[in-house]
Amino acid sequence: MPWSNQTGGGGGWKGGGNNGGPWGQGPRSSGPNPPDLEELLRRSQDKLKRVLPGGGGGSRGAFNPVVALIVLVAVVAFLGYNFFTFRVDANQVGLVLRFGQFDRQVGPGLSFRLPYPIETVYTPSVTEVRQTTVGSIPGASGGRDASAESLMLTGDENIVDIDFSVQWVINNARDYQFNVQNVEGTVKATAESAMREVIGRSDVERVLTEERLGIQTQVQDLIQQRLNQYGAGVQITQVQLLNASPPPEVIDAFRDVQAAEQDQDRLRNEAQTYANRVLPGARGQASQIVEAANAYRDQIIAIAKGQADRFVKVYESYKVAPDLTRQRMYLETMANILANSDKVVIDEKSGNGVVPYLPLPALTGAPAPSGANAGVKP
């Protein structure tokens, strides 16, 4: 029975009259009966045809089921691609959770999944090199003041300002994603702690001068060891000291000390250079003098031995023939004495003077002797 035939009163609908309805106002129509179901389906079909491709233009032709099927397949494919698939880039790893529990790990490419909230996908980048900086960076644009991080105590109870950076990558995506909540903060805190430990075992002079490379290596090893204990899934690739200097309050005094140390090193190098130049010459002269003394010693010893041997030989000859040996020694001695003398022969039988026998020096071209050797009387 139509809404308009129900009247108010008793348990009927409120708002009597032919236009009454269950909410006080019934549907209004031009005829006695409302539109039937076929008419509603036809109108809906016409509206759908206007929306679908090729259904516009006011045409009232028959509904095309092929076009509707194509549209339905496209809609299903679109929904399936967005709800049942996910893409992992070449630099990423896909981690799939099923009801909040780790299920599988997938590589780069297109993969299937169950829609959320059944399965959830995380895609961390495993090839990106991340950098964490500890301390302030003086002079850098937009640098931040982090003196509480950078001021550290050395082993000899001095304070230094250390700024350094840590570069790291993900080497285990599952541990990185699920073991530690804030990996970057953990890396920073671990790096600061490791640097303080290494600086606390070193002297300030070595920290500021010659131990930079050793400090970087020690800190890197210590950070990696502790992150492995945490299961952070992180690989430390490099630790680099950006700045190692005294605090600003005492930097002038440190510069004076460094200048004095540089002067000391310069003077020490100059002294070493002078010693390297002088000592070899002195050693050479000493060696030359020693060699000359040894040669003179050997010469004197050889001469003495020769004279001793000659004396022994002469003595042996003297024992055999004393007169002959004595005469021979006399003649040899006189020959040595008169060898360089101007010789004058005196003939005692002539009776009246000295008669030069022969001017031998003039004949031989030798200079005439002077002094005691000018006249010899045999």
Protein backbone atom coordinates (compact mmCIF):
# COMPACT_ATOMS: atom_id res chain seq x y z
CA MET A 1 0.00 0.00 0.00
CA PRO A 2 1.55 3.40 -0.92
CA TRP A 3 2.79 5.87 1.67
CA SER A 4 -0.03 8.28 0.82
CA ASN A 5 -2.76 5.80 1.82
CA GLN A 6 -1.49 5.51 5.43
CA THR A 7 -3.13 7.99 7.76
CA GLY A 8 -2.36 9.16 11.23
CA GLY A 9 -4.16 8.02 14.34
CA GLY A 10 -3.64 5.08 16.61
CA GLY A 11 -0.29 3.55 15.88
CA GLY A 12 -0.15 5.03 12.34
CA TRP A 13 2.33 7.46 10.90
CA LYS A 14 2.40 11.05 12.09
CA GLY A 15 1.20 13.92 9.87
CA GLY A 16 -2.11 12.70 8.36
CA GLY A 17 -3.43 13.46 4.86
CA ASN A 18 -2.57 11.98 1.52
CA ASN A 19 0.95 13.40 1.68
CA GLY A 20 1.85 11.84 5.06
CA GLY A 21 4.87 9.55 5.46
CA PRO A 22 6.91 7.85 8.13
CA TRP A 23 9.10 10.99 8.66
CA GLY A 24 6.23 13.46 8.30
CA GLN A 25 6.48 13.92 4.53
CA GLY A 26 5.93 11.19 1.89
CA PRO A 27 7.41 11.03 -1.61
CA ARG A 28 5.67 13.17 -4.12
CA SER A 29 4.87 11.76 -7.60
CA SER A 30 2.82 12.80 -10.57
CA GLY A 31 0.87 9.48 -10.78
CA PRO A 32 -0.90 7.29 -8.41
CA ASN A 33 1.98 4.69 -8.28
CA PRO A 34 5.81 5.20 -7.66
CA PRO A 35 8.41 4.26 -10.40
CA ASP A 36 9.01 0.53 -10.68
CA LEU A 37 12.35 -1.33 -10.38
CA GLU A 38 12.89 -1.70 -14.13
CA GLU A 39 12.67 2.05 -14.62
CA LEU A 40 15.27 2.64 -11.89
CA LEU A 41 17.66 0.10 -13.46
CA ARG A 42 17.23 1.66 -16.86
CA ARG A 43 18.00 5.13 -15.55
CA SER A 44 21.08 3.83 -13.72
CA GLN A 45 22.23 2.12 -16.88
CA ASP A 46 21.90 5.32 -18.86
CA LYS A 47 23.94 7.25 -16.30
CA LEU A 48 26.68 4.60 -16.36
CA LYS A 49 26.80 4.73 -20.14
CA ARG A 50 27.32 8.49 -20.00
CA VAL A 51 30.25 7.99 -17.62
CA LEU A 52 31.90 5.14 -19.56
CA PRO A 53 33.98 5.86 -22.70
CA GLY A 54 31.78 6.05 -25.79
CA GLY A 55 28.59 6.32 -23.80
CA GLY A 56 28.15 10.10 -24.01
CA GLY A 57 26.53 12.28 -26.58
CA GLY A 58 22.99 11.54 -25.49
CA SER A 59 22.97 8.15 -27.27
CA ARG A 60 20.54 5.62 -25.82
CA GLY A 61 21.94 2.55 -27.59
CA ALA A 62 22.43 -0.82 -25.92
CA PHE A 63 24.98 -1.19 -23.05
CA ASN A 64 28.41 -2.43 -24.26
CA PRO A 65 29.60 -5.19 -21.90
CA VAL A 66 33.13 -5.34 -23.47
CA VAL A 67 33.88 -1.74 -22.51
CA ALA A 68 32.55 -2.35 -19.04
CA LEU A 69 34.75 -5.44 -18.68
CA ILE A 70 37.84 -3.52 -19.80
CA VAL A 71 37.12 -0.77 -17.31
CA LEU A 72 36.52 -3.33 -14.58
CA VAL A 73 39.81 -5.13 -15.34
CA ALA A 74 41.68 -1.79 -15.31
CA VAL A 75 40.18 -0.86 -11.98
CA VAL A 76 41.03 -4.28 -10.51
CA ALA A 77 44.60 -4.09 -11.90
CA PHE A 78 45.08 -0.62 -10.46
CA LEU A 79 43.85 -1.65 -7.06
CA GLY A 80 45.89 -4.86 -7.13
CA TYR A 81 49.08 -2.98 -8.13
CA ASN A 82 48.70 -0.52 -5.27
CA PHE A 83 47.50 -2.94 -2.62
CA PHE A 84 49.28 -6.20 -3.51
CA THR A 85 52.66 -5.14 -4.96
CA PHE A 86 55.59 -2.98 -3.93
CA ARG A 87 58.83 -1.88 -5.58
CA VAL A 88 62.33 -2.08 -4.13
CA ASP A 89 64.96 0.19 -5.74
CA ALA A 90 68.46 -0.98 -6.67
CA ASN A 91 70.00 0.68 -3.59
CA GLN A 92 67.40 -0.73 -1.18
CA VAL A 93 66.43 -3.95 0.56
CA GLY A 94 62.81 -4.89 1.20
CA LEU A 95 61.85 -6.09 4.69
CA VAL A 96 58.36 -7.60 4.93
CA LEU A 97 56.53 -7.89 8.26
CA ARG A 98 53.46 -10.07 8.60
CA PHE A 99 51.27 -9.05 11.52
CA GLY A 100 54.25 -7.16 12.97
CA GLN A 101 56.71 -10.08 12.83
CA PHE A 102 59.57 -10.31 10.35
CA ASP A 103 58.65 -12.65 7.51
CA ARG A 104 61.11 -12.27 4.65
CA GLN A 105 63.69 -10.08 2.92
CA VAL A 106 63.42 -9.28 -0.79
CA GLY A 107 65.85 -7.78 -3.26
CA PRO A 108 65.43 -5.00 -5.83
CA GLY A 109 62.49 -5.19 -8.19
CA LEU A 110 58.72 -5.62 -8.06
CA SER A 111 57.38 -8.01 -5.39
CA PHE A 112 53.97 -9.12 -4.10
CA ARG A 113 52.56 -8.60 -0.64
CA LEU A 114 49.35 -8.83 1.28
CA PRO A 115 47.54 -5.53 1.87
CA TYR A 116 48.02 -3.49 5.03
CA PRO A 117 47.64 -4.23 7.93
CA ILE A 118 48.41 -7.87 7.17
CA GLU A 119 51.87 -7.15 5.76
CA THR A 120 54.04 -4.06 6.14
CA VAL A 121 57.13 -3.28 4.03
CA TYR A 122 60.26 -1.28 4.96
CA THR A 123 62.83 -0.37 2.30
CA PRO A 124 66.04 1.01 3.91
CA SER A 125 68.83 2.17 1.62
CA VAL A 126 71.89 -0.06 2.07
CA THR A 127 74.31 1.71 -0.30
CA GLU A 128 73.94 5.29 0.93
CA VAL A 129 76.96 6.58 2.86
CA ARG A 130 75.65 8.42 5.90
CA GLN A 131 77.67 10.93 7.90
CA THR A 132 77.38 11.88 11.56
CA THR A 133 79.28 14.90 12.90
CA VAL A 134 80.27 15.36 16.54
CA GLY A 135 81.26 18.82 17.76
CA SER A 136 81.07 22.26 16.22
CA ILE A 137 82.67 23.22 12.92
CA PRO A 138 84.29 26.68 13.24
CA GLY A 139 83.89 28.84 10.15
CA ALA A 140 81.37 26.53 8.46
CA SER A 141 78.20 28.12 7.13
CA GLY A 142 75.29 27.23 9.34
CA GLY A 143 77.60 25.56 11.84
CA ARG A 144 76.20 24.75 15.23
CA ASP A 145 77.76 25.30 18.63
CA ALA A 146 78.33 21.94 20.28
CA SER A 147 81.12 22.74 22.72
CA ALA A 148 79.68 20.25 25.22
CA GLU A 149 80.37 17.51 22.66
CA SER A 150 83.76 18.72 21.44
CA LEU A 151 85.58 19.64 24.68
CA MET A 152 87.47 16.56 25.89
CA LEU A 153 89.97 15.80 28.67
CA THR A 154 93.38 14.36 27.73
CA GLY A 155 95.49 11.92 29.68
CA ASP A 156 97.74 14.69 31.05
CA GLU A 157 94.72 16.66 32.33
CA ASN A 158 94.49 19.19 29.51
CA ILE A 159 91.38 20.14 27.53
CA VAL A 160 91.21 20.02 23.73
CA ASP A 161 88.47 20.91 21.29
CA ILE A 162 87.83 17.89 19.01
CA ASP A 163 85.47 17.98 16.03
CA PHE A 164 85.17 14.86 13.91
CA SER A 165 82.85 13.10 11.50
CA VAL A 166 81.86 9.44 11.19
CA GLN A 167 80.84 7.89 7.87
CA TRP A 168 78.84 4.67 7.95
CA VAL A 169 76.67 2.39 5.83
CA ILE A 170 74.10 -0.31 6.53
CA ASN A 171 75.56 -3.80 6.35
CA ASN A 172 72.60 -5.69 7.85
CA ALA A 173 69.22 -4.18 6.93
CA ARG A 174 67.21 -6.36 9.33
CA ASP A 175 69.34 -5.48 12.37
CA TYR A 176 69.41 -1.82 11.34
CA GLN A 177 65.62 -1.62 11.04
CA PHE A 178 64.53 -3.58 14.11
CA ASN A 179 67.33 -3.86 16.71
CA VAL A 180 67.98 -0.18 17.48
CA GLN A 181 65.29 2.47 17.54
CA ASN A 182 67.46 5.51 16.72
CA VAL A 183 70.50 4.30 14.82
CA GLU A 184 71.89 7.73 13.94
CA GLY A 185 71.66 8.90 17.55
CA THR A 186 73.26 5.66 18.70
CA VAL A 187 76.15 6.10 16.24
CA LYS A 188 76.70 9.67 17.42
CA ALA A 189 76.64 8.78 21.12
CA THR A 190 78.93 5.79 20.57
CA ALA A 191 81.35 7.87 18.49
CA GLU A 192 81.55 10.60 21.13
CA SER A 193 82.14 8.04 23.88
CA ALA A 194 84.85 6.25 21.88
CA MET A 195 86.64 9.53 21.07
CA ARG A 196 86.62 10.59 24.72
CA GLU A 197 88.10 7.25 25.71
CA VAL A 198 90.92 7.45 23.17
CA ILE A 199 91.68 11.12 23.94
CA GLY A 200 91.71 10.29 27.66
CA ARG A 201 94.62 7.90 27.05
CA SER A 202 96.71 10.39 25.04
CA ASP A 203 98.84 13.45 25.82
CA VAL A 204 97.69 16.82 24.54
CA GLU A 205 100.91 17.43 22.59
CA ARG A 206 100.55 14.22 20.59
CA VAL A 207 96.85 14.79 20.03
CA LEU A 208 97.57 18.19 18.49
CA THR A 209 100.54 17.06 16.39
CA GLU A 210 101.51 13.54 15.43
CA GLU A 211 98.82 11.10 16.57
CA ARG A 212 95.86 12.21 14.43
CA LEU A 213 95.97 9.18 12.15
CA GLY A 214 96.39 6.77 15.04
CA ILE A 215 93.48 8.36 16.92
CA GLN A 216 91.20 8.02 13.90
CA THR A 217 92.03 4.32 13.54
CA GLN A 218 91.54 3.58 17.24
CA VAL A 219 88.21 5.41 17.38
CA GLN A 220 86.91 3.65 14.27
CA ASP A 221 87.75 0.22 15.69
CA LEU A 222 86.19 1.05 19.05
CA ILE A 223 82.95 2.38 17.51
CA GLN A 224 82.60 -0.70 15.30
CA GLN A 225 83.17 -3.02 18.25
CA ARG A 226 80.43 -1.39 20.34
CA LEU A 227 77.92 -1.15 17.49
CA ASN A 228 78.44 -4.85 16.82
CA GLN A 229 77.60 -5.51 20.46
CA TYR A 230 74.38 -3.52 20.04
CA GLY A 231 73.50 -5.40 16.82
CA ALA A 232 72.96 -2.10 14.99
CA GLY A 233 73.66 -3.53 11.52
CA VAL A 234 76.05 -0.66 10.73
CA GLN A 235 79.54 -0.66 9.20
CA ILE A 236 81.85 2.29 10.02
CA THR A 237 83.78 3.23 6.88
CA GLN A 238 85.78 6.25 8.07
CA VAL A 239 86.46 8.47 11.08
CA GLN A 240 87.96 11.85 10.19
CA LEU A 241 89.27 14.50 12.59
CA LEU A 242 87.99 17.86 11.35
CA ASN A 243 89.58 19.96 14.07
CA ALA A 244 91.89 19.35 17.02
CA SER A 245 92.85 22.54 18.83
CA PRO A 246 93.02 24.04 22.31
CA PRO A 247 89.95 25.82 23.69
CA PRO A 248 89.58 29.46 22.58
CA GLU A 249 90.36 30.70 26.11
CA VAL A 250 93.94 29.32 26.06
CA ILE A 251 94.68 29.11 22.36
CA ASP A 252 97.15 32.06 22.48
CA ALA A 253 99.24 30.33 25.16
CA PHE A 254 99.22 27.10 23.17
CA ARG A 255 100.37 28.97 20.08
CA ASP A 256 103.29 30.46 22.04
CA VAL A 257 104.25 27.00 23.25
CA GLN A 258 104.06 25.62 19.74
CA ALA A 259 106.18 28.50 18.43
CA ALA A 260 108.81 27.79 21.08
CA GLU A 261 108.76 24.10 20.21
CA GLN A 262 109.17 24.93 16.53
CA ASP A 263 112.16 27.16 17.34
CA GLN A 264 113.61 24.36 19.43
CA ASP A 265 113.20 21.92 16.57
CA ARG A 266 114.74 24.41 14.13
CA LEU A 267 117.80 25.00 16.32
CA ARG A 268 118.16 21.28 16.94
CA ASN A 269 118.07 20.64 13.20
CA GLU A 270 120.65 23.35 12.54
CA ALA A 271 122.96 21.87 15.21
CA GLN A 272 122.51 18.43 13.76
CA THR A 273 123.29 19.76 10.28
CA TYR A 274 126.49 21.43 11.56
CA ALA A 275 127.49 18.25 13.36
CA ASN A 276 126.87 16.22 10.24
CA ARG A 277 129.10 18.57 8.28
CA VAL A 278 131.96 18.90 10.81
CA LEU A 279 132.19 15.45 12.34
CA PRO A 280 132.95 13.55 9.11
CA GLY A 281 135.84 15.96 8.33
CA ALA A 282 137.22 15.63 11.84
CA ARG A 283 136.93 11.87 11.69
CA GLY A 284 138.71 11.87 8.34
CA GLN A 285 141.56 14.00 9.64
CA ALA A 286 141.88 11.80 12.73
CA SER A 287 142.01 8.70 10.54
CA GLN A 288 144.64 10.35 8.32
CA ILE A 289 146.82 11.24 11.31
CA VAL A 290 146.50 7.74 12.73
CA GLU A 291 147.42 6.20 9.38
CA ALA A 292 150.42 8.54 9.01
CA ALA A 293 151.59 7.68 12.53
CA ASN A 294 151.22 3.97 11.83
CA ALA A 295 153.16 4.35 8.58
CA TYR A 296 155.94 6.29 10.34
CA ARG A 297 156.07 3.68 13.09
CA ASP A 298 156.33 0.88 10.56
CA GLN A 299 159.03 2.80 8.70
CA ILE A 300 161.14 3.42 11.81
CA ILE A 301 160.76 -0.17 12.93
CA ALA A 302 161.78 -1.42 9.49
CA ILE A 303 164.83 0.88 9.40
CA ALA A 304 165.83 -0.16 12.90
CA LYS A 305 165.49 -3.81 12.00
CA GLY A 306 167.51 -3.24 8.84
CA GLN A 307 170.28 -1.49 10.75
CA ALA A 308 170.26 -4.20 13.38
CA ASP A 309 170.49 -6.90 10.73
CA ARG A 310 173.32 -5.00 9.00
CA PHE A 311 175.17 -4.66 12.27
CA VAL A 312 174.80 -8.36 12.92
CA LYS A 313 176.14 -9.15 9.45
CA VAL A 314 179.09 -6.78 9.90
CA TYR A 315 179.80 -8.23 13.30
CA GLU A 316 179.82 -11.74 11.89
CA SER A 317 182.23 -10.62 9.17
CA TYR A 318 184.39 -8.89 11.76
CA LYS A 319 184.69 -12.05 13.78
CA VAL A 320 185.90 -13.91 10.71
CA ALA A 321 188.39 -11.23 9.45
CA PRO A 322 188.81 -8.36 11.89
CA ASP A 323 191.54 -6.42 10.00
CA LEU A 324 189.86 -6.71 6.65
CA THR A 325 186.50 -5.75 8.05
CA ARG A 326 188.01 -2.78 9.89
CA GLN A 327 189.74 -1.57 6.72
CA ARG A 328 186.57 -1.97 4.69
CA MET A 329 184.51 -0.05 7.24
CA TYR A 330 187.04 2.75 7.18
CA LEU A 331 186.99 2.97 3.41
CA GLU A 332 183.18 2.95 3.23
CA THR A 333 182.98 5.65 5.85
CA MET A 334 185.48 7.87 4.08
CA ALA A 335 183.74 7.27 0.76
CA ASN A 336 180.49 8.52 2.26
CA ILE A 337 182.19 11.55 3.77
CA LEU A 338 184.19 12.53 0.67
CA ALA A 339 181.42 11.87 -1.80
CA ASN A 340 180.19 15.48 -1.61
CA SER A 341 183.49 17.23 -0.82
CA ASP A 342 185.90 19.27 -3.04
CA LYS A 343 189.00 17.15 -3.21
CA VAL A 344 192.50 18.59 -2.98
CA VAL A 345 195.60 16.41 -3.29
CA ILE A 346 198.70 17.51 -1.37
CA ASP A 347 202.00 16.13 -2.56
CA GLU A 348 204.42 16.30 0.33
CA LYS A 349 207.38 15.32 -1.84
CA SER A 350 207.08 18.46 -3.94
CA GLY A 351 208.11 20.40 -0.84
CA ASN A 352 206.82 23.86 -1.67
CA GLY A 353 203.07 24.16 -1.50
CA VAL A 354 199.74 22.76 -2.33
CA VAL A 355 199.31 21.48 -5.82
CA PRO A 356 195.67 20.96 -6.95
CA TYR A 357 195.65 17.65 -8.57
CA LEU A 358 192.48 17.98 -10.55
CA PRO A 359 189.39 20.29 -10.36
CA LEU A 360 186.93 17.43 -10.07
CA PRO A 361 183.80 19.49 -9.18
CA ALA A 362 184.24 21.70 -12.21
CA LEU A 363 184.55 18.69 -14.44
CA THR A 364 181.53 16.87 -13.08
CA GLY A 365 179.27 19.99 -12.87
CA ALA A 366 178.63 19.53 -9.12
CA PRO A 367 178.65 22.62 -6.87
CA ALA A 368 181.84 23.16 -4.97
CA PRO A 369 181.52 22.31 -1.26
CA SER A 370 182.05 25.02 1.27
CA GLY A 371 183.06 25.20 4.85
CA ALA A 372 184.82 22.36 6.54
CA ASN A 373 184.71 20.21 3.44
CA ALA A 374 186.66 22.73 1.35
CA GLY A 375 190.00 21.14 2.07
CA VAL A 376 190.68 17.56 3.07
CA LYS A 377 194.06 16.14 3.74
CA PRO A 378 194.33 12.41 3.34
